[in-house]
């Protein structure tokens, strides 16, 4: 049974509208996964914030920045790493061990590498069309950050 246009998920629609082919995911570098994962993760965080209630863009930016910075992503991996599948762990480690050409301004090298691993994992989950698992990990990571640092309590 063919899906109607309204029933297609947005990834399918994007691929359909721009005639994008599925490529062999095994040929992607971990930094490519991190590149797309950075954008996907930021979109998830921004969507959560906007859906939690209308407020100033400045306040939205501050709240988003608290979770998308390398230090927060690194901290999330403390909670996530033990729960990763073998394949997810392999992707995370490939991203963590990659040698990016840039470095975050306000993070240590270790935090930046763990954050790159986190973003690679998010990108891989996105490209392999595993949104439920991606959301499960992001939700677990956010909950951990909230309980550890109280940086994002969702006050509107």
C-alpha atoms as a PDB file:
ATOM      1  CA  UNK A   1       0.000   0.000   0.000  1.00  0.00           C
ATOM      2  CA  UNK A   2       1.491   3.333  -1.055  1.00  0.00           C
ATOM      3  CA  UNK A   3       1.466   6.179   1.452  1.00  0.00           C
ATOM      4  CA  UNK A   4      -0.250   9.414   0.564  1.00  0.00           C
ATOM      5  CA  UNK A   5       1.937  12.527   0.602  1.00  0.00           C
ATOM      6  CA  UNK A   6       0.451  13.555   3.963  1.00  0.00           C
ATOM      7  CA  UNK A   7       1.395  10.187   5.486  1.00  0.00           C
ATOM      8  CA  UNK A   8       5.064  10.365   4.505  1.00  0.00           C
ATOM      9  CA  UNK A   9       7.416  11.271   7.275  1.00  0.00           C
ATOM     10  CA  UNK A  10       9.449  14.391   6.658  1.00  0.00           C
ATOM     11  CA  UNK A  11      12.675  12.460   5.950  1.00  0.00           C
ATOM     12  CA  UNK A  12      10.918  10.451   3.242  1.00  0.00           C
ATOM     13  CA  UNK A  13       9.403  13.652   1.872  1.00  0.00           C
ATOM     14  CA  UNK A  14      12.800  15.361   1.807  1.00  0.00           C
ATOM     15  CA  UNK A  15      14.362  12.429  -0.060  1.00  0.00           C
ATOM     16  CA  UNK A  16      11.425  12.242  -2.453  1.00  0.00           C
ATOM     17  CA  UNK A  17      11.246  15.956  -3.248  1.00  0.00           C
ATOM     18  CA  UNK A  18      15.000  16.307  -3.836  1.00  0.00           C
ATOM     19  CA  UNK A  19      15.495  12.872  -5.427  1.00  0.00           C
ATOM     20  CA  UNK A  20      17.956  11.825  -2.716  1.00  0.00           C
ATOM     21  CA  UNK A  21      19.183   8.248  -2.860  1.00  0.00           C
ATOM     22  CA  UNK A  22      20.098   6.163   0.152  1.00  0.00           C
ATOM     23  CA  UNK A  23      23.851   5.704   0.112  1.00  0.00           C
ATOM     24  CA  UNK A  24      25.869   3.037   1.860  1.00  0.00           C
ATOM     25  CA  UNK A  25      25.917   4.395   5.405  1.00  0.00           C
ATOM     26  CA  UNK A  26      29.102   2.418   6.112  1.00  0.00           C
ATOM     27  CA  UNK A  27      31.022   4.776   3.804  1.00  0.00           C
ATOM     28  CA  UNK A  28      30.241   7.867   5.887  1.00  0.00           C
ATOM     29  CA  UNK A  29      32.918   9.334   8.106  1.00  0.00           C
ATOM     30  CA  UNK A  30      32.134   9.841  11.794  1.00  0.00           C
ATOM     31  CA  UNK A  31      32.562  13.594  11.291  1.00  0.00           C
ATOM     32  CA  UNK A  32      29.848  13.505   8.614  1.00  0.00           C
ATOM     33  CA  UNK A  33      27.560  11.830  11.147  1.00  0.00           C
ATOM     34  CA  UNK A  34      28.528  14.503  13.694  1.00  0.00           C
ATOM     35  CA  UNK A  35      27.846  17.267  11.155  1.00  0.00           C
ATOM     36  CA  UNK A  36      24.251  16.176  10.550  1.00  0.00           C
ATOM     37  CA  UNK A  37      23.810  15.112  14.189  1.00  0.00           C
ATOM     38  CA  UNK A  38      24.694  18.615  15.389  1.00  0.00           C
ATOM     39  CA  UNK A  39      21.880  20.104  13.320  1.00  0.00           C
ATOM     40  CA  UNK A  40      19.352  17.402  14.170  1.00  0.00           C
ATOM     41  CA  UNK A  41      20.073  17.652  17.904  1.00  0.00           C
ATOM     42  CA  UNK A  42      19.776  21.440  17.839  1.00  0.00           C
ATOM     43  CA  UNK A  43      16.450  21.171  16.000  1.00  0.00           C
ATOM     44  CA  UNK A  44      15.178  18.706  18.617  1.00  0.00           C
ATOM     45  CA  UNK A  45      16.161  21.050  21.463  1.00  0.00           C
ATOM     46  CA  UNK A  46      14.705  24.127  19.752  1.00  0.00           C
ATOM     47  CA  UNK A  47      11.459  22.279  19.043  1.00  0.00           C
ATOM     48  CA  UNK A  48      11.131  21.184  22.674  1.00  0.00           C
ATOM     49  CA  UNK A  49      11.735  24.733  23.892  1.00  0.00           C
ATOM     50  CA  UNK A  50       9.297  26.354  21.478  1.00  0.00           C
ATOM     51  CA  UNK A  51       6.613  23.748  22.187  1.00  0.00           C
ATOM     52  CA  UNK A  52       7.012  24.290  25.940  1.00  0.00           C
ATOM     53  CA  UNK A  53       5.763  27.833  25.567  1.00  0.00           C
ATOM     54  CA  UNK A  54       6.230  31.169  23.885  1.00  0.00           C
ATOM     55  CA  UNK A  55       8.959  33.381  25.311  1.00  0.00           C
ATOM     56  CA  UNK A  56      11.608  35.776  24.058  1.00  0.00           C
ATOM     57  CA  UNK A  57      14.085  34.559  21.489  1.00  0.00           C
ATOM     58  CA  UNK A  58      16.905  35.613  23.804  1.00  0.00           C
ATOM     59  CA  UNK A  59      15.567  33.351  26.541  1.00  0.00           C
ATOM     60  CA  UNK A  60      15.088  30.504  24.044  1.00  0.00           C
ATOM     61  CA  UNK A  61      18.670  30.932  22.863  1.00  0.00           C
ATOM     62  CA  UNK A  62      20.079  30.853  26.407  1.00  0.00           C
ATOM     63  CA  UNK A  63      18.116  27.702  27.244  1.00  0.00           C
ATOM     64  CA  UNK A  64      19.123  25.985  24.010  1.00  0.00           C
ATOM     65  CA  UNK A  65      22.766  26.950  24.448  1.00  0.00           C
ATOM     66  CA  UNK A  66      22.823  25.272  27.857  1.00  0.00           C
ATOM     67  CA  UNK A  67      22.057  21.924  26.221  1.00  0.00           C
ATOM     68  CA  UNK A  68      23.796  22.115  22.866  1.00  0.00           C
ATOM     69  CA  UNK A  69      27.194  23.175  24.188  1.00  0.00           C
ATOM     70  CA  UNK A  70      29.946  20.565  24.140  1.00  0.00           C
ATOM     71  CA  UNK A  71      30.124  20.365  27.944  1.00  0.00           C
ATOM     72  CA  UNK A  72      26.449  19.415  28.239  1.00  0.00           C
ATOM     73  CA  UNK A  73      26.658  16.842  25.460  1.00  0.00           C
ATOM     74  CA  UNK A  74      29.758  15.359  27.077  1.00  0.00           C
ATOM     75  CA  UNK A  75      27.918  15.164  30.403  1.00  0.00           C
ATOM     76  CA  UNK A  76      24.975  13.423  28.720  1.00  0.00           C
ATOM     77  CA  UNK A  77      27.305  10.681  27.548  1.00  0.00           C
ATOM     78  CA  UNK A  78      28.012   9.796  31.202  1.00  0.00           C
ATOM     79  CA  UNK A  79      24.415   8.600  31.446  1.00  0.00           C
ATOM     80  CA  UNK A  80      24.074   7.288  27.908  1.00  0.00           C
ATOM     81  CA  UNK A  81      27.247   5.311  27.312  1.00  0.00           C
ATOM     82  CA  UNK A  82      26.343   2.331  29.557  1.00  0.00           C
ATOM     83  CA  UNK A  83      22.938   2.057  27.809  1.00  0.00           C
ATOM     84  CA  UNK A  84      24.263   2.014  24.242  1.00  0.00           C
ATOM     85  CA  UNK A  85      24.006  -1.054  22.060  1.00  0.00           C
ATOM     86  CA  UNK A  86      27.231  -2.502  20.715  1.00  0.00           C
ATOM     87  CA  UNK A  87      26.697  -0.817  17.345  1.00  0.00           C
ATOM     88  CA  UNK A  88      25.776   2.529  18.924  1.00  0.00           C
ATOM     89  CA  UNK A  89      28.865   2.342  21.101  1.00  0.00           C
ATOM     90  CA  UNK A  90      31.005   1.700  18.030  1.00  0.00           C
ATOM     91  CA  UNK A  91      29.540   4.766  16.267  1.00  0.00           C
ATOM     92  CA  UNK A  92      29.977   6.929  19.379  1.00  0.00           C
ATOM     93  CA  UNK A  93      33.613   5.853  19.778  1.00  0.00           C
ATOM     94  CA  UNK A  94      34.358   6.475  16.101  1.00  0.00           C
ATOM     95  CA  UNK A  95      32.997  10.014  16.505  1.00  0.00           C
ATOM     96  CA  UNK A  96      34.789  10.567  19.788  1.00  0.00           C
ATOM     97  CA  UNK A  97      38.094   9.394  18.350  1.00  0.00           C
ATOM     98  CA  UNK A  98      37.814  11.371  15.093  1.00  0.00           C
ATOM     99  CA  UNK A  99      40.142  14.312  14.670  1.00  0.00           C
ATOM    100  CA  UNK A 100      38.021  17.397  13.930  1.00  0.00           C
ATOM    101  CA  UNK A 101      39.734  20.438  12.472  1.00  0.00           C
ATOM    102  CA  UNK A 102      38.055  22.778  14.967  1.00  0.00           C
ATOM    103  CA  UNK A 103      37.571  22.933  18.717  1.00  0.00           C
ATOM    104  CA  UNK A 104      34.818  24.386  20.894  1.00  0.00           C
ATOM    105  CA  UNK A 105      35.673  27.695  22.547  1.00  0.00           C
ATOM    106  CA  UNK A 106      34.386  26.829  25.995  1.00  0.00           C
ATOM    107  CA  UNK A 107      35.183  23.127  26.319  1.00  0.00           C
ATOM    108  CA  UNK A 108      38.122  20.936  27.110  1.00  0.00           C
ATOM    109  CA  UNK A 109      39.477  18.637  24.415  1.00  0.00           C
ATOM    110  CA  UNK A 110      37.909  15.664  26.224  1.00  0.00           C
ATOM    111  CA  UNK A 111      34.491  17.321  26.401  1.00  0.00           C
ATOM    112  CA  UNK A 112      34.701  18.306  22.753  1.00  0.00           C
ATOM    113  CA  UNK A 113      35.614  14.774  21.676  1.00  0.00           C
ATOM    114  CA  UNK A 114      32.778  13.203  23.711  1.00  0.00           C
ATOM    115  CA  UNK A 115      30.370  15.805  22.283  1.00  0.00           C
ATOM    116  CA  UNK A 116      31.529  14.945  18.766  1.00  0.00           C
ATOM    117  CA  UNK A 117      30.864  11.285  19.561  1.00  0.00           C
ATOM    118  CA  UNK A 118      27.387  12.191  20.832  1.00  0.00           C
ATOM    119  CA  UNK A 119      26.639  14.189  17.680  1.00  0.00           C
ATOM    120  CA  UNK A 120      27.947  11.344  15.503  1.00  0.00           C
ATOM    121  CA  UNK A 121      25.590   8.953  17.284  1.00  0.00           C
ATOM    122  CA  UNK A 122      22.624  11.301  16.805  1.00  0.00           C
ATOM    123  CA  UNK A 123      23.525  11.744  13.123  1.00  0.00           C
ATOM    124  CA  UNK A 124      23.864   8.005  12.591  1.00  0.00           C
ATOM    125  CA  UNK A 125      20.494   7.336  14.264  1.00  0.00           C
ATOM    126  CA  UNK A 126      18.924  10.036  12.101  1.00  0.00           C
ATOM    127  CA  UNK A 127      20.410   8.747   8.848  1.00  0.00           C
ATOM    128  CA  UNK A 128      19.518   5.144   9.674  1.00  0.00           C
ATOM    129  CA  UNK A 129      15.927   6.247  10.403  1.00  0.00           C
ATOM    130  CA  UNK A 130      15.799   5.357  14.091  1.00  0.00           C
ATOM    131  CA  UNK A 131      13.909   8.358  15.499  1.00  0.00           C
ATOM    132  CA  UNK A 132      12.455   6.524  18.509  1.00  0.00           C
ATOM    133  CA  UNK A 133      15.877   5.453  19.722  1.00  0.00           C
ATOM    134  CA  UNK A 134      17.266   8.916  19.037  1.00  0.00           C
ATOM    135  CA  UNK A 135      14.481  10.508  21.120  1.00  0.00           C
ATOM    136  CA  UNK A 136      14.951   7.944  23.898  1.00  0.00           C
ATOM    137  CA  UNK A 137      18.647   8.804  24.183  1.00  0.00           C
ATOM    138  CA  UNK A 138      18.066  12.566  23.987  1.00  0.00           C
ATOM    139  CA  UNK A 139      15.340  12.353  26.643  1.00  0.00           C
ATOM    140  CA  UNK A 140      17.592  10.315  28.936  1.00  0.00           C
ATOM    141  CA  UNK A 141      20.451  12.763  28.391  1.00  0.00           C
ATOM    142  CA  UNK A 142      18.292  15.810  29.095  1.00  0.00           C
ATOM    143  CA  UNK A 143      16.899  14.203  32.253  1.00  0.00           C
ATOM    144  CA  UNK A 144      20.444  13.503  33.432  1.00  0.00           C
ATOM    145  CA  UNK A 145      21.545  17.086  32.771  1.00  0.00           C
ATOM    146  CA  UNK A 146      18.470  18.444  34.563  1.00  0.00           C
ATOM    147  CA  UNK A 147      19.093  16.289  37.614  1.00  0.00           C
ATOM    148  CA  UNK A 148      22.846  16.966  37.729  1.00  0.00           C
ATOM    149  CA  UNK A 149      23.052  20.647  36.919  1.00  0.00           C
ATOM    150  CA  UNK A 150      19.542  22.067  37.181  1.00  0.00           C
ATOM    151  CA  UNK A 151      20.374  24.119  34.068  1.00  0.00           C
ATOM    152  CA  UNK A 152      17.198  23.498  32.147  1.00  0.00           C
ATOM    153  CA  UNK A 153      14.212  23.143  34.372  1.00  0.00           C
ATOM    154  CA  UNK A 154      11.725  24.231  31.733  1.00  0.00           C
ATOM    155  CA  UNK A 155      10.536  27.356  33.547  1.00  0.00           C
ATOM    156  CA  UNK A 156       8.473  29.331  31.120  1.00  0.00           C
END
